[in-house]
Amino acid sequence: MGNPFVYVELYTSDVDKAKKFYTSLFDWKTKEVPMGPAGNYTMLEVGEGTGGGMLKNMIPGTPSHWMAYVNVDDVEAATKKAQGLGAKLMKGKTEVPGFGWFTMITDPTGAALALWQSKK
C-alpha cells in the first residue's frame, strides 16, 4: 500500500477525561509535550502499530472526534488532487516544526481526513 495511515489524533472537549478513559481502556501511555501558548499536546504511546496524540478541540461546536493522517509524498499536490476529485479543504498546509506538514480535507461524502508529508 503506497499511502498508509501514519497517525491518529483525538480532538476532544476534555483532554484529561479522554486520557483517563483511553489509558484505562487500553495499555496506552501518555507523554505531555509543551506547545507554548496553545498549552500541552498529549502524545499517545501505543506500543506496536500507528501512534497518535490528543489535544483540545479548538473549533467551537465541533464534537470530539478522531482524525486519521495518511502519508503522502507531496502534501500540496495530494491536496490539489483531492480537491479535483471533489474534496473540500478544511485546513490549508500547516507545518509541524521539525516533523512535516499536513492539510485537512473532507471527502465528497463529508468524511474528514488529514494528509501528511514528513520532513525527509
N, C-alpha and C. Protein backbone atom coordinates (compact mmCIF):
# COMPACT_ATOMS: atom_id res chain seq x y z
N MET A 1 0.85 -1.17 0.00
CA MET A 1 0.00 0.00 0.00
C MET A 1 0.89 1.23 0.00
N GLY A 2 0.70 2.11 -0.95
CA GLY A 2 1.56 3.26 -1.12
C GLY A 2 1.30 4.41 -0.17
N ASN A 3 0.12 4.52 0.39
CA ASN A 3 -0.22 5.64 1.26
C ASN A 3 -0.86 5.13 2.54
N PRO A 4 -0.03 4.69 3.50
CA PRO A 4 -0.58 4.12 4.73
C PRO A 4 -1.07 5.19 5.71
N PHE A 5 -1.95 4.78 6.59
CA PHE A 5 -2.30 5.62 7.72
C PHE A 5 -1.06 5.67 8.62
N VAL A 6 -0.65 6.88 9.02
CA VAL A 6 0.57 7.01 9.79
C VAL A 6 0.38 7.61 11.18
N TYR A 7 -0.81 8.14 11.46
CA TYR A 7 -1.01 8.81 12.74
C TYR A 7 -2.51 9.00 12.95
N VAL A 8 -2.94 8.98 14.19
CA VAL A 8 -4.33 9.32 14.50
C VAL A 8 -4.31 10.31 15.67
N GLU A 9 -5.25 11.23 15.63
CA GLU A 9 -5.26 12.29 16.62
C GLU A 9 -6.68 12.50 17.12
N LEU A 10 -6.82 12.63 18.43
CA LEU A 10 -8.12 12.88 19.03
C LEU A 10 -8.24 14.37 19.34
N TYR A 11 -9.23 15.00 18.74
CA TYR A 11 -9.60 16.37 19.06
C TYR A 11 -10.76 16.26 20.04
N THR A 12 -10.54 16.66 21.29
CA THR A 12 -11.52 16.40 22.34
C THR A 12 -11.89 17.64 23.12
N SER A 13 -13.08 17.63 23.69
CA SER A 13 -13.52 18.74 24.52
C SER A 13 -12.92 18.66 25.92
N ASP A 14 -12.39 17.49 26.31
CA ASP A 14 -11.85 17.31 27.66
C ASP A 14 -10.67 16.34 27.60
N VAL A 15 -9.46 16.89 27.49
CA VAL A 15 -8.26 16.05 27.34
C VAL A 15 -8.06 15.17 28.56
N ASP A 16 -8.20 15.71 29.76
CA ASP A 16 -7.97 14.90 30.97
C ASP A 16 -8.93 13.71 31.05
N LYS A 17 -10.18 13.94 30.74
CA LYS A 17 -11.17 12.86 30.76
C LYS A 17 -10.84 11.81 29.69
N ALA A 18 -10.45 12.26 28.50
CA ALA A 18 -10.09 11.34 27.42
C ALA A 18 -8.85 10.53 27.79
N LYS A 19 -7.85 11.19 28.37
CA LYS A 19 -6.63 10.48 28.79
C LYS A 19 -6.97 9.38 29.78
N LYS A 20 -7.78 9.71 30.77
CA LYS A 20 -8.16 8.71 31.77
C LYS A 20 -8.88 7.53 31.13
N PHE A 21 -9.81 7.83 30.23
CA PHE A 21 -10.57 6.77 29.55
C PHE A 21 -9.66 5.86 28.73
N TYR A 22 -8.85 6.43 27.84
CA TYR A 22 -8.06 5.61 26.91
C TYR A 22 -6.90 4.89 27.58
N THR A 23 -6.29 5.49 28.60
CA THR A 23 -5.22 4.77 29.30
C THR A 23 -5.78 3.66 30.19
N SER A 24 -7.04 3.79 30.60
CA SER A 24 -7.68 2.72 31.37
C SER A 24 -8.21 1.61 30.46
N LEU A 25 -8.72 1.99 29.30
CA LEU A 25 -9.27 1.01 28.36
C LEU A 25 -8.18 0.18 27.70
N PHE A 26 -7.12 0.85 27.26
CA PHE A 26 -6.01 0.20 26.58
C PHE A 26 -4.74 0.36 27.40
N ASP A 27 -3.71 -0.34 27.01
CA ASP A 27 -2.42 -0.22 27.70
C ASP A 27 -1.60 0.90 27.03
N TRP A 28 -2.20 2.06 26.90
CA TRP A 28 -1.53 3.21 26.29
C TRP A 28 -0.88 4.06 27.37
N LYS A 29 0.26 4.63 27.03
CA LYS A 29 0.95 5.58 27.89
C LYS A 29 0.82 6.96 27.24
N THR A 30 0.93 8.01 28.05
CA THR A 30 0.87 9.36 27.51
C THR A 30 2.12 10.13 27.89
N LYS A 31 2.43 11.11 27.07
CA LYS A 31 3.58 11.99 27.32
C LYS A 31 3.14 13.40 26.93
N GLU A 32 3.30 14.34 27.85
CA GLU A 32 2.91 15.72 27.60
C GLU A 32 4.05 16.46 26.90
N VAL A 33 3.71 17.17 25.83
CA VAL A 33 4.68 17.96 25.07
C VAL A 33 4.19 19.41 25.07
N PRO A 34 4.98 20.34 25.64
CA PRO A 34 4.57 21.74 25.66
C PRO A 34 4.46 22.32 24.25
N MET A 35 3.38 23.09 24.01
CA MET A 35 3.18 23.75 22.72
C MET A 35 3.09 25.27 22.89
N GLY A 36 3.76 25.81 23.89
CA GLY A 36 3.73 27.25 24.10
C GLY A 36 2.37 27.72 24.56
N PRO A 37 1.91 28.85 23.99
CA PRO A 37 0.63 29.43 24.42
C PRO A 37 -0.57 28.51 24.16
N ALA A 38 -0.44 27.55 23.25
CA ALA A 38 -1.54 26.64 22.94
C ALA A 38 -1.73 25.57 24.01
N GLY A 39 -0.83 25.52 24.99
CA GLY A 39 -0.93 24.51 26.04
C GLY A 39 -0.09 23.29 25.73
N ASN A 40 -0.50 22.14 26.24
CA ASN A 40 0.23 20.89 26.03
C ASN A 40 -0.42 20.05 24.95
N TYR A 41 0.41 19.22 24.32
CA TYR A 41 -0.05 18.21 23.38
C TYR A 41 0.22 16.88 24.05
N THR A 42 -0.73 15.98 24.04
CA THR A 42 -0.58 14.68 24.67
C THR A 42 -0.25 13.63 23.61
N MET A 43 0.98 13.11 23.66
CA MET A 43 1.40 12.03 22.76
C MET A 43 0.85 10.72 23.32
N LEU A 44 0.37 9.85 22.42
CA LEU A 44 -0.10 8.53 22.80
C LEU A 44 0.94 7.50 22.38
N GLU A 45 1.46 6.79 23.35
CA GLU A 45 2.42 5.73 23.08
C GLU A 45 1.66 4.42 23.18
N VAL A 46 1.40 3.82 22.01
CA VAL A 46 0.50 2.67 21.95
C VAL A 46 1.22 1.33 21.86
N GLY A 47 2.56 1.34 21.86
CA GLY A 47 3.30 0.10 21.69
C GLY A 47 3.45 -0.16 20.20
N GLU A 48 2.97 -1.28 19.72
CA GLU A 48 3.04 -1.59 18.29
C GLU A 48 1.94 -0.88 17.53
N GLY A 49 2.19 -0.62 16.26
CA GLY A 49 1.16 -0.01 15.42
C GLY A 49 1.28 1.49 15.32
N THR A 50 0.28 2.10 14.73
CA THR A 50 0.26 3.53 14.48
C THR A 50 0.03 4.29 15.78
N GLY A 51 0.89 5.25 16.04
CA GLY A 51 0.76 6.08 17.24
C GLY A 51 -0.16 7.24 17.01
N GLY A 52 -0.26 8.07 18.03
CA GLY A 52 -1.14 9.22 17.90
C GLY A 52 -0.98 10.21 19.02
N GLY A 53 -1.98 11.07 19.11
CA GLY A 53 -1.97 12.09 20.13
C GLY A 53 -3.36 12.61 20.38
N MET A 54 -3.45 13.51 21.35
CA MET A 54 -4.74 14.16 21.62
C MET A 54 -4.50 15.59 22.05
N LEU A 55 -5.48 16.42 21.72
CA LEU A 55 -5.42 17.83 22.08
C LEU A 55 -6.82 18.39 22.20
N LYS A 56 -6.91 19.55 22.80
CA LYS A 56 -8.20 20.22 22.97
C LYS A 56 -8.72 20.62 21.61
N ASN A 57 -9.97 20.30 21.36
CA ASN A 57 -10.62 20.67 20.11
C ASN A 57 -10.77 22.19 20.10
N MET A 58 -10.22 22.85 19.09
CA MET A 58 -10.22 24.30 19.05
C MET A 58 -11.31 24.88 18.16
N ILE A 59 -12.18 24.04 17.61
CA ILE A 59 -13.25 24.53 16.75
C ILE A 59 -14.56 24.48 17.54
N PRO A 60 -15.07 25.64 17.97
CA PRO A 60 -16.30 25.65 18.77
C PRO A 60 -17.45 24.93 18.07
N GLY A 61 -18.19 24.16 18.85
CA GLY A 61 -19.36 23.47 18.32
C GLY A 61 -19.07 22.15 17.64
N THR A 62 -17.80 21.83 17.44
CA THR A 62 -17.44 20.57 16.79
C THR A 62 -17.33 19.49 17.86
N PRO A 63 -17.99 18.36 17.68
CA PRO A 63 -17.89 17.29 18.68
C PRO A 63 -16.49 16.68 18.69
N SER A 64 -16.14 16.05 19.80
CA SER A 64 -14.87 15.33 19.88
C SER A 64 -14.83 14.29 18.77
N HIS A 65 -13.65 14.12 18.16
CA HIS A 65 -13.54 13.17 17.04
C HIS A 65 -12.08 12.77 16.82
N TRP A 66 -11.91 11.61 16.20
CA TRP A 66 -10.59 11.13 15.80
C TRP A 66 -10.32 11.59 14.38
N MET A 67 -9.08 11.99 14.11
CA MET A 67 -8.63 12.37 12.76
C MET A 67 -7.50 11.43 12.36
N ALA A 68 -7.66 10.77 11.21
CA ALA A 68 -6.62 9.88 10.69
C ALA A 68 -5.74 10.66 9.71
N TYR A 69 -4.44 10.39 9.74
CA TYR A 69 -3.47 11.02 8.85
C TYR A 69 -2.93 9.96 7.89
N VAL A 70 -2.87 10.31 6.59
CA VAL A 70 -2.36 9.41 5.56
C VAL A 70 -1.08 10.01 4.99
N ASN A 71 -0.05 9.19 4.86
CA ASN A 71 1.24 9.63 4.33
C ASN A 71 1.16 9.91 2.84
N VAL A 72 1.71 11.06 2.42
CA VAL A 72 1.81 11.42 1.00
C VAL A 72 3.22 11.95 0.74
N ASP A 73 3.67 11.87 -0.50
CA ASP A 73 4.99 12.39 -0.86
C ASP A 73 5.01 13.91 -0.93
N ASP A 74 3.91 14.51 -1.40
CA ASP A 74 3.82 15.95 -1.59
C ASP A 74 2.43 16.40 -1.14
N VAL A 75 2.36 17.04 0.02
CA VAL A 75 1.06 17.39 0.60
C VAL A 75 0.29 18.39 -0.26
N GLU A 76 0.98 19.32 -0.91
CA GLU A 76 0.28 20.28 -1.76
C GLU A 76 -0.32 19.60 -2.99
N ALA A 77 0.46 18.74 -3.64
CA ALA A 77 -0.03 18.04 -4.83
C ALA A 77 -1.18 17.10 -4.48
N ALA A 78 -1.04 16.38 -3.37
CA ALA A 78 -2.10 15.44 -2.96
C ALA A 78 -3.38 16.19 -2.61
N THR A 79 -3.25 17.35 -1.98
CA THR A 79 -4.41 18.16 -1.63
C THR A 79 -5.11 18.67 -2.88
N LYS A 80 -4.34 19.15 -3.83
CA LYS A 80 -4.92 19.63 -5.09
C LYS A 80 -5.62 18.49 -5.83
N LYS A 81 -5.01 17.31 -5.83
CA LYS A 81 -5.63 16.15 -6.48
C LYS A 81 -6.95 15.81 -5.79
N ALA A 82 -6.93 15.80 -4.45
CA ALA A 82 -8.16 15.50 -3.70
C ALA A 82 -9.26 16.51 -4.02
N GLN A 83 -8.89 17.79 -4.09
CA GLN A 83 -9.88 18.82 -4.41
C GLN A 83 -10.43 18.61 -5.83
N GLY A 84 -9.57 18.19 -6.74
CA GLY A 84 -10.01 17.90 -8.09
C GLY A 84 -10.97 16.73 -8.16
N LEU A 85 -10.91 15.88 -7.16
CA LEU A 85 -11.80 14.72 -7.08
C LEU A 85 -13.04 14.99 -6.23
N GLY A 86 -13.20 16.24 -5.80
CA GLY A 86 -14.40 16.62 -5.06
C GLY A 86 -14.23 16.87 -3.58
N ALA A 87 -13.00 16.80 -3.07
CA ALA A 87 -12.76 17.07 -1.65
C ALA A 87 -12.84 18.57 -1.37
N LYS A 88 -13.16 18.89 -0.12
CA LYS A 88 -13.17 20.29 0.32
C LYS A 88 -12.03 20.48 1.31
N LEU A 89 -11.36 21.61 1.23
CA LEU A 89 -10.25 21.92 2.12
C LEU A 89 -10.79 22.43 3.45
N MET A 90 -10.40 21.77 4.54
CA MET A 90 -10.77 22.20 5.89
C MET A 90 -9.68 23.07 6.49
N LYS A 91 -8.42 22.67 6.27
CA LYS A 91 -7.27 23.39 6.82
C LYS A 91 -6.14 23.30 5.80
N GLY A 92 -5.62 24.47 5.42
CA GLY A 92 -4.53 24.51 4.46
C GLY A 92 -3.22 23.99 5.03
N LYS A 93 -2.21 23.96 4.20
CA LYS A 93 -0.91 23.42 4.58
C LYS A 93 -0.41 24.08 5.87
N THR A 94 -0.10 23.22 6.83
CA THR A 94 0.36 23.67 8.14
C THR A 94 1.61 22.90 8.51
N GLU A 95 2.61 23.61 8.98
CA GLU A 95 3.86 22.96 9.38
C GLU A 95 3.81 22.53 10.84
N VAL A 96 4.32 21.34 11.09
CA VAL A 96 4.60 20.88 12.45
C VAL A 96 6.12 20.94 12.55
N PRO A 97 6.66 22.00 13.18
CA PRO A 97 8.10 22.24 13.16
C PRO A 97 8.92 21.02 13.55
N GLY A 98 9.87 20.71 12.68
CA GLY A 98 10.76 19.57 12.91
C GLY A 98 10.24 18.24 12.42
N PHE A 99 8.96 18.17 12.02
CA PHE A 99 8.37 16.88 11.64
C PHE A 99 7.82 16.83 10.22
N GLY A 100 7.08 17.86 9.80
CA GLY A 100 6.49 17.81 8.46
C GLY A 100 5.34 18.78 8.32
N TRP A 101 4.44 18.49 7.36
CA TRP A 101 3.32 19.36 7.04
C TRP A 101 2.06 18.53 6.86
N PHE A 102 0.91 19.16 7.09
CA PHE A 102 -0.35 18.47 6.87
C PHE A 102 -1.38 19.44 6.31
N THR A 103 -2.40 18.85 5.70
CA THR A 103 -3.62 19.55 5.35
C THR A 103 -4.77 18.68 5.84
N MET A 104 -5.94 19.28 5.98
CA MET A 104 -7.14 18.52 6.36
C MET A 104 -8.20 18.76 5.30
N ILE A 105 -8.83 17.68 4.88
CA ILE A 105 -9.86 17.74 3.84
C ILE A 105 -11.10 16.99 4.31
N THR A 106 -12.20 17.19 3.60
CA THR A 106 -13.34 16.29 3.73
C THR A 106 -13.56 15.70 2.34
N ASP A 107 -13.81 14.41 2.30
CA ASP A 107 -14.04 13.75 1.02
C ASP A 107 -15.44 14.11 0.51
N PRO A 108 -15.80 13.68 -0.70
CA PRO A 108 -17.12 14.04 -1.24
C PRO A 108 -18.30 13.56 -0.41
N THR A 109 -18.08 12.62 0.52
CA THR A 109 -19.17 12.16 1.38
C THR A 109 -19.21 12.92 2.71
N GLY A 110 -18.22 13.80 2.94
CA GLY A 110 -18.16 14.58 4.17
C GLY A 110 -17.22 14.04 5.23
N ALA A 111 -16.58 12.91 4.97
CA ALA A 111 -15.65 12.33 5.95
C ALA A 111 -14.34 13.11 5.97
N ALA A 112 -13.85 13.42 7.17
CA ALA A 112 -12.61 14.17 7.33
C ALA A 112 -11.40 13.25 7.26
N LEU A 113 -10.30 13.79 6.72
CA LEU A 113 -9.04 13.07 6.59
C LEU A 113 -7.92 14.08 6.55
N ALA A 114 -6.78 13.73 7.13
CA ALA A 114 -5.60 14.59 7.05
C ALA A 114 -4.56 13.94 6.15
N LEU A 115 -3.88 14.76 5.36
CA LEU A 115 -2.79 14.32 4.50
C LEU A 115 -1.49 14.78 5.15
N TRP A 116 -0.49 13.90 5.24
CA TRP A 116 0.74 14.16 5.98
C TRP A 116 1.96 13.95 5.11
N GLN A 117 2.85 14.95 5.09
CA GLN A 117 4.14 14.84 4.41
C GLN A 117 5.24 15.02 5.45
N SER A 118 6.04 13.99 5.66
CA SER A 118 7.14 14.04 6.63
C SER A 118 8.30 14.83 6.06
N LYS A 119 9.04 15.49 6.96
CA LYS A 119 10.32 16.07 6.56
C LYS A 119 11.27 14.92 6.33
N LYS A 120 12.00 14.98 5.28
CA LYS A 120 12.91 13.87 4.95
C LYS A 120 14.19 13.98 5.73
